Every structure is written in structure tokens, then in C-alpha cells.
N, C-alpha and C. Protein backbone atom coordinates (compact mmCIF):
# COMPACT_ATOMS: atom_id res chain seq x y z
N MET A 1 0.13 14.36 5.78
CA MET A 1 0.74 15.24 4.79
C MET A 1 1.72 14.44 3.94
N ILE A 2 1.61 14.62 2.63
CA ILE A 2 2.50 13.97 1.68
C ILE A 2 3.63 14.94 1.36
N LYS A 3 4.86 14.52 1.68
CA LYS A 3 6.03 15.38 1.47
C LYS A 3 6.76 14.95 0.21
N ILE A 4 6.88 15.90 -0.71
CA ILE A 4 7.38 15.60 -2.05
C ILE A 4 8.58 16.48 -2.39
N LEU A 5 9.56 15.87 -3.04
CA LEU A 5 10.69 16.60 -3.59
C LEU A 5 10.55 16.57 -5.11
N VAL A 6 10.39 17.74 -5.72
CA VAL A 6 10.28 17.87 -7.17
C VAL A 6 11.65 18.25 -7.71
N VAL A 7 12.14 17.47 -8.66
CA VAL A 7 13.47 17.70 -9.23
C VAL A 7 13.30 17.99 -10.72
N ASP A 8 13.63 19.23 -11.11
CA ASP A 8 13.49 19.64 -12.51
C ASP A 8 14.37 20.84 -12.75
N ASP A 9 15.07 20.85 -13.87
CA ASP A 9 15.97 21.96 -14.17
C ASP A 9 15.23 23.19 -14.72
N GLU A 10 13.98 23.04 -15.07
CA GLU A 10 13.21 24.18 -15.58
C GLU A 10 12.71 25.01 -14.40
N THR A 11 13.08 26.28 -14.39
CA THR A 11 12.80 27.13 -13.23
C THR A 11 11.32 27.43 -13.02
N ASP A 12 10.51 27.34 -14.07
CA ASP A 12 9.09 27.66 -13.92
C ASP A 12 8.29 26.51 -13.30
N VAL A 13 8.89 25.34 -13.14
CA VAL A 13 8.19 24.19 -12.58
C VAL A 13 7.74 24.46 -11.14
N GLU A 14 8.59 25.11 -10.36
CA GLU A 14 8.21 25.40 -8.97
C GLU A 14 6.96 26.26 -8.92
N ASP A 15 6.91 27.33 -9.71
CA ASP A 15 5.73 28.19 -9.73
C ASP A 15 4.50 27.43 -10.20
N LEU A 16 4.67 26.59 -11.19
CA LEU A 16 3.56 25.81 -11.71
C LEU A 16 3.00 24.87 -10.65
N PHE A 17 3.85 24.17 -9.92
CA PHE A 17 3.39 23.26 -8.87
C PHE A 17 2.73 24.02 -7.73
N ARG A 18 3.32 25.13 -7.36
CA ARG A 18 2.72 25.93 -6.27
C ARG A 18 1.33 26.43 -6.67
N GLN A 19 1.17 26.77 -7.93
CA GLN A 19 -0.14 27.23 -8.42
C GLN A 19 -1.13 26.08 -8.48
N ARG A 20 -0.74 24.96 -9.07
CA ARG A 20 -1.65 23.84 -9.28
C ARG A 20 -2.00 23.08 -8.00
N PHE A 21 -1.15 23.18 -6.97
CA PHE A 21 -1.39 22.50 -5.71
C PHE A 21 -1.68 23.49 -4.58
N ARG A 22 -2.08 24.69 -4.93
CA ARG A 22 -2.30 25.74 -3.93
C ARG A 22 -3.25 25.29 -2.82
N LYS A 23 -4.38 24.75 -3.17
CA LYS A 23 -5.38 24.32 -2.18
C LYS A 23 -4.82 23.19 -1.30
N GLU A 24 -4.17 22.22 -1.92
CA GLU A 24 -3.64 21.08 -1.16
C GLU A 24 -2.53 21.50 -0.21
N VAL A 25 -1.71 22.45 -0.62
CA VAL A 25 -0.65 22.96 0.26
C VAL A 25 -1.27 23.74 1.41
N ARG A 26 -2.25 24.59 1.09
CA ARG A 26 -2.93 25.38 2.12
C ARG A 26 -3.62 24.47 3.15
N ASP A 27 -4.19 23.35 2.68
CA ASP A 27 -4.88 22.41 3.56
C ASP A 27 -3.92 21.41 4.23
N ASN A 28 -2.62 21.59 4.03
CA ASN A 28 -1.60 20.70 4.59
C ASN A 28 -1.72 19.25 4.13
N ASP A 29 -2.25 19.05 2.92
CA ASP A 29 -2.30 17.71 2.34
C ASP A 29 -0.98 17.38 1.66
N PHE A 30 -0.33 18.40 1.09
CA PHE A 30 0.93 18.23 0.38
C PHE A 30 1.92 19.27 0.88
N HIS A 31 3.20 18.87 0.90
CA HIS A 31 4.29 19.82 1.16
C HIS A 31 5.35 19.55 0.10
N PHE A 32 5.80 20.62 -0.54
CA PHE A 32 6.77 20.49 -1.62
C PHE A 32 8.11 21.11 -1.26
N ASN A 33 9.16 20.43 -1.70
CA ASN A 33 10.51 20.98 -1.75
C ASN A 33 10.93 20.86 -3.21
N PHE A 34 11.85 21.72 -3.62
CA PHE A 34 12.25 21.75 -5.03
C PHE A 34 13.76 21.73 -5.14
N ALA A 35 14.24 21.00 -6.15
CA ALA A 35 15.67 20.97 -6.48
C ALA A 35 15.78 21.20 -7.98
N ASN A 36 16.77 21.99 -8.38
CA ASN A 36 16.96 22.32 -9.79
C ASN A 36 17.88 21.37 -10.53
N SER A 37 18.40 20.36 -9.82
CA SER A 37 19.27 19.37 -10.45
C SER A 37 19.25 18.10 -9.61
N ALA A 38 19.68 17.01 -10.22
CA ALA A 38 19.79 15.75 -9.49
C ALA A 38 20.82 15.88 -8.37
N GLU A 39 21.90 16.57 -8.65
CA GLU A 39 22.94 16.76 -7.63
C GLU A 39 22.39 17.52 -6.43
N GLN A 40 21.62 18.58 -6.69
CA GLN A 40 21.02 19.35 -5.61
C GLN A 40 20.03 18.49 -4.82
N ALA A 41 19.30 17.62 -5.50
CA ALA A 41 18.36 16.72 -4.84
C ALA A 41 19.09 15.77 -3.89
N LEU A 42 20.21 15.21 -4.33
CA LEU A 42 20.96 14.29 -3.47
C LEU A 42 21.54 15.00 -2.25
N THR A 43 22.01 16.22 -2.45
CA THR A 43 22.50 17.00 -1.31
C THR A 43 21.37 17.25 -0.31
N PHE A 44 20.22 17.63 -0.82
CA PHE A 44 19.06 17.87 0.03
C PHE A 44 18.66 16.60 0.78
N LEU A 45 18.59 15.48 0.10
CA LEU A 45 18.21 14.22 0.73
C LEU A 45 19.17 13.82 1.84
N SER A 46 20.44 14.13 1.66
CA SER A 46 21.44 13.74 2.67
C SER A 46 21.27 14.51 3.98
N THR A 47 20.52 15.60 3.97
CA THR A 47 20.33 16.40 5.19
C THR A 47 19.07 16.02 5.95
N LEU A 48 18.28 15.09 5.41
CA LEU A 48 16.97 14.80 5.98
C LEU A 48 16.99 13.63 6.95
N ASN A 49 15.99 13.63 7.82
CA ASN A 49 15.70 12.46 8.62
C ASN A 49 14.86 11.52 7.77
N PRO A 50 14.86 10.23 8.08
CA PRO A 50 14.00 9.32 7.31
C PRO A 50 12.56 9.79 7.33
N PHE A 51 11.91 9.64 6.22
CA PHE A 51 10.49 9.96 6.04
C PHE A 51 10.18 11.45 6.00
N ASP A 52 11.21 12.32 5.95
CA ASP A 52 10.95 13.74 5.73
C ASP A 52 10.42 13.96 4.32
N ILE A 53 10.76 13.06 3.43
CA ILE A 53 10.25 13.07 2.05
C ILE A 53 9.74 11.66 1.78
N VAL A 54 8.54 11.54 1.22
CA VAL A 54 8.01 10.21 0.91
C VAL A 54 7.97 9.94 -0.58
N LEU A 55 8.13 11.01 -1.39
CA LEU A 55 8.05 10.84 -2.83
C LEU A 55 8.98 11.83 -3.52
N ILE A 56 9.69 11.33 -4.53
CA ILE A 56 10.47 12.19 -5.41
C ILE A 56 9.78 12.17 -6.76
N LEU A 57 9.55 13.35 -7.30
CA LEU A 57 8.98 13.51 -8.64
C LEU A 57 10.08 14.15 -9.48
N SER A 58 10.70 13.36 -10.35
CA SER A 58 11.89 13.83 -11.06
C SER A 58 11.73 13.79 -12.57
N ASP A 59 12.17 14.88 -13.19
CA ASP A 59 12.30 14.91 -14.64
C ASP A 59 13.41 13.93 -15.02
N ILE A 60 13.31 13.35 -16.20
CA ILE A 60 14.35 12.43 -16.66
C ILE A 60 15.49 13.20 -17.31
N ASN A 61 15.16 14.11 -18.21
CA ASN A 61 16.18 14.81 -18.98
C ASN A 61 16.58 16.12 -18.31
N MET A 62 17.78 16.10 -17.71
CA MET A 62 18.34 17.30 -17.07
C MET A 62 19.82 17.34 -17.39
N PRO A 63 20.39 18.54 -17.44
CA PRO A 63 21.85 18.63 -17.65
C PRO A 63 22.59 18.06 -16.44
N GLY A 64 23.81 17.63 -16.67
CA GLY A 64 24.56 17.01 -15.58
C GLY A 64 24.02 15.61 -15.34
N MET A 65 23.79 15.29 -14.10
CA MET A 65 23.23 13.99 -13.75
C MET A 65 21.77 13.92 -14.20
N SER A 66 21.41 12.87 -14.90
CA SER A 66 20.03 12.72 -15.39
C SER A 66 19.11 12.22 -14.28
N GLY A 67 17.84 12.31 -14.54
CA GLY A 67 16.86 11.76 -13.60
C GLY A 67 16.99 10.25 -13.46
N LEU A 68 17.42 9.57 -14.52
CA LEU A 68 17.62 8.12 -14.45
C LEU A 68 18.78 7.77 -13.53
N GLN A 69 19.85 8.56 -13.59
CA GLN A 69 20.98 8.34 -12.68
C GLN A 69 20.55 8.63 -11.25
N LEU A 70 19.77 9.69 -11.06
CA LEU A 70 19.25 10.01 -9.73
C LEU A 70 18.40 8.85 -9.21
N LEU A 71 17.54 8.31 -10.04
CA LEU A 71 16.69 7.18 -9.66
C LEU A 71 17.52 6.02 -9.14
N GLN A 72 18.57 5.66 -9.85
CA GLN A 72 19.41 4.53 -9.45
C GLN A 72 20.05 4.77 -8.08
N ILE A 73 20.55 5.97 -7.86
CA ILE A 73 21.19 6.29 -6.58
C ILE A 73 20.16 6.29 -5.46
N VAL A 74 19.01 6.89 -5.70
CA VAL A 74 17.96 6.95 -4.67
C VAL A 74 17.51 5.55 -4.29
N LYS A 75 17.30 4.68 -5.26
CA LYS A 75 16.84 3.32 -4.97
C LYS A 75 17.89 2.53 -4.20
N GLU A 76 19.17 2.85 -4.37
CA GLU A 76 20.24 2.20 -3.60
C GLU A 76 20.32 2.75 -2.19
N LYS A 77 20.32 4.08 -2.06
CA LYS A 77 20.54 4.72 -0.76
C LYS A 77 19.27 4.84 0.09
N TYR A 78 18.14 5.01 -0.57
CA TYR A 78 16.87 5.27 0.12
C TYR A 78 15.79 4.36 -0.47
N PRO A 79 15.89 3.06 -0.25
CA PRO A 79 15.00 2.12 -0.94
C PRO A 79 13.51 2.29 -0.61
N LEU A 80 13.19 2.93 0.49
CA LEU A 80 11.78 3.12 0.84
C LEU A 80 11.14 4.32 0.15
N LEU A 81 11.97 5.20 -0.40
CA LEU A 81 11.42 6.36 -1.09
C LEU A 81 10.74 5.95 -2.39
N LYS A 82 9.58 6.50 -2.63
CA LYS A 82 8.89 6.30 -3.90
C LYS A 82 9.44 7.33 -4.89
N VAL A 83 9.59 6.91 -6.13
CA VAL A 83 10.11 7.81 -7.16
C VAL A 83 9.18 7.74 -8.37
N MET A 84 8.68 8.90 -8.75
CA MET A 84 7.84 9.04 -9.93
C MET A 84 8.64 9.84 -10.95
N MET A 85 8.77 9.30 -12.16
CA MET A 85 9.56 9.95 -13.19
C MET A 85 8.65 10.72 -14.15
N VAL A 86 9.16 11.86 -14.61
CA VAL A 86 8.44 12.69 -15.58
C VAL A 86 9.19 12.57 -16.90
N THR A 87 8.47 12.20 -17.94
CA THR A 87 9.11 11.99 -19.23
C THR A 87 8.30 12.66 -20.34
N ALA A 88 8.97 12.94 -21.42
CA ALA A 88 8.29 13.50 -22.58
C ALA A 88 7.40 12.43 -23.18
N TYR A 89 6.30 12.84 -23.74
CA TYR A 89 5.35 11.91 -24.34
C TYR A 89 6.05 11.05 -25.39
N GLY A 90 5.86 9.74 -25.30
CA GLY A 90 6.41 8.83 -26.29
C GLY A 90 7.87 8.48 -26.11
N ASP A 91 8.46 8.83 -24.99
CA ASP A 91 9.87 8.56 -24.73
C ASP A 91 10.03 7.14 -24.19
N VAL A 92 9.83 6.15 -25.05
CA VAL A 92 9.75 4.75 -24.65
C VAL A 92 11.07 4.23 -24.07
N THR A 93 12.20 4.61 -24.64
CA THR A 93 13.49 4.11 -24.17
C THR A 93 13.74 4.50 -22.72
N ASN A 94 13.55 5.79 -22.41
CA ASN A 94 13.75 6.24 -21.03
C ASN A 94 12.73 5.60 -20.09
N LEU A 95 11.52 5.43 -20.56
CA LEU A 95 10.48 4.80 -19.75
C LEU A 95 10.88 3.38 -19.37
N GLU A 96 11.35 2.61 -20.32
CA GLU A 96 11.78 1.24 -20.06
C GLU A 96 12.98 1.20 -19.12
N THR A 97 13.92 2.10 -19.32
CA THR A 97 15.10 2.17 -18.44
C THR A 97 14.68 2.50 -17.02
N ALA A 98 13.76 3.44 -16.87
CA ALA A 98 13.28 3.83 -15.54
C ALA A 98 12.55 2.68 -14.86
N GLN A 99 11.76 1.94 -15.61
CA GLN A 99 11.06 0.78 -15.04
C GLN A 99 12.06 -0.23 -14.51
N LYS A 100 13.08 -0.53 -15.29
CA LYS A 100 14.10 -1.49 -14.87
C LYS A 100 14.86 -1.01 -13.64
N ALA A 101 15.02 0.30 -13.50
CA ALA A 101 15.76 0.87 -12.36
C ALA A 101 14.90 1.01 -11.11
N GLY A 102 13.60 0.70 -11.24
CA GLY A 102 12.76 0.70 -10.04
C GLY A 102 11.83 1.87 -9.86
N ALA A 103 11.59 2.66 -10.91
CA ALA A 103 10.65 3.78 -10.78
C ALA A 103 9.28 3.24 -10.37
N ASP A 104 8.63 3.96 -9.48
CA ASP A 104 7.33 3.53 -8.95
C ASP A 104 6.17 3.95 -9.83
N ASP A 105 6.35 5.01 -10.61
CA ASP A 105 5.28 5.48 -11.49
C ASP A 105 5.89 6.45 -12.50
N PHE A 106 5.09 6.83 -13.49
CA PHE A 106 5.55 7.71 -14.56
C PHE A 106 4.48 8.73 -14.87
N VAL A 107 4.92 9.91 -15.25
CA VAL A 107 4.03 10.98 -15.68
C VAL A 107 4.58 11.49 -17.00
N THR A 108 3.71 11.73 -17.96
CA THR A 108 4.18 12.28 -19.22
C THR A 108 3.84 13.77 -19.30
N LYS A 109 4.70 14.48 -20.02
CA LYS A 109 4.46 15.91 -20.26
C LYS A 109 3.60 16.05 -21.49
N PRO A 110 2.71 17.01 -21.55
CA PRO A 110 2.37 17.94 -20.47
C PRO A 110 1.63 17.23 -19.34
N VAL A 111 1.91 17.64 -18.12
CA VAL A 111 1.37 16.98 -16.94
C VAL A 111 -0.12 17.27 -16.79
N ASP A 112 -0.87 16.20 -16.57
CA ASP A 112 -2.30 16.30 -16.25
C ASP A 112 -2.38 16.37 -14.72
N PHE A 113 -2.53 17.57 -14.18
CA PHE A 113 -2.43 17.76 -12.73
C PHE A 113 -3.53 17.08 -11.93
N PRO A 114 -4.79 17.08 -12.35
CA PRO A 114 -5.79 16.31 -11.58
C PRO A 114 -5.42 14.82 -11.48
N SER A 115 -4.96 14.25 -12.57
CA SER A 115 -4.53 12.86 -12.56
C SER A 115 -3.29 12.67 -11.68
N LEU A 116 -2.35 13.60 -11.76
CA LEU A 116 -1.14 13.52 -10.95
C LEU A 116 -1.48 13.52 -9.46
N LYS A 117 -2.40 14.36 -9.04
CA LYS A 117 -2.79 14.41 -7.62
C LYS A 117 -3.31 13.06 -7.15
N GLU A 118 -4.14 12.43 -7.96
CA GLU A 118 -4.67 11.11 -7.61
C GLU A 118 -3.59 10.04 -7.59
N ARG A 119 -2.69 10.09 -8.54
CA ARG A 119 -1.61 9.10 -8.59
C ARG A 119 -0.65 9.26 -7.42
N ILE A 120 -0.37 10.48 -7.02
CA ILE A 120 0.47 10.72 -5.86
C ILE A 120 -0.19 10.13 -4.62
N LYS A 121 -1.48 10.39 -4.45
CA LYS A 121 -2.19 9.88 -3.27
C LYS A 121 -2.18 8.35 -3.25
N SER A 122 -2.44 7.72 -4.38
CA SER A 122 -2.48 6.26 -4.39
C SER A 122 -1.09 5.65 -4.19
N LEU A 123 -0.08 6.32 -4.66
CA LEU A 123 1.29 5.81 -4.53
C LEU A 123 1.84 5.95 -3.11
N THR A 124 1.36 6.93 -2.38
CA THR A 124 1.94 7.21 -1.05
C THR A 124 1.08 6.71 0.11
N VAL A 125 0.01 6.01 -0.19
CA VAL A 125 -0.85 5.49 0.89
C VAL A 125 -0.23 4.27 1.50
């Protein structure tokens, strides 16, 4: 089972992921947790045992702490965690910053869910 923490300030993201990954969740291939902010994600991570989460899928642009700031902290505190960043199409500056900070992969909006499923699997094997 691939355990993922999705971090996004948009409230409809949770419903969208639950809908698009319904079969995979039902088959115990994927398990999702959700955080509405980078701060909430860090609080959640601090309560976990190692390997309770293997991948963070984080939006870059969020109020308060950005996804890029979250990425830097996660890579310092939890270096084994994989982090996939979600960015707006053509957002080259944030993409380059995320690469330098150690992001493991990138997804552009709008998200291509069939492709995302394959990229998650290849990243977490």
C-alpha cells in the first residue's frame, strides 16, 4: 500500500482525489491523508512513525507557508520521504526552485490522473 499525504489549500481536492482513486483505495493500493496547509502537514508528520507516509503530494502556491517552504523542511527533517510538487502549467520559476530544493517529481495542473497514478507507483517502488 502506498501511503500519501496530499497538501492543498483548495477544499475540493480531497473529494477529487477520493473520486479519482476510488478503485485503488478500495483495493488497498493507495491510502490518502489530507492537509489543508503546509503547517497542518508538518503537524501531521510529527505524529507519525517512520514510513507511515511514503509520499507527499503538495501544491506549491498556498497561503501562509508555501509548498516550497514545506519541501525544504521535509527534506531536512524526513530525508527519506518522497515529495511530488503540484504547480500551475508553465510556472518555470517555482519548478526550478523545487528542483533545487530536492523535489522528487512534478505534476502540472490540471492534473492528468492516469499519468499521476503511474508516476506515483514508479516513484514509490
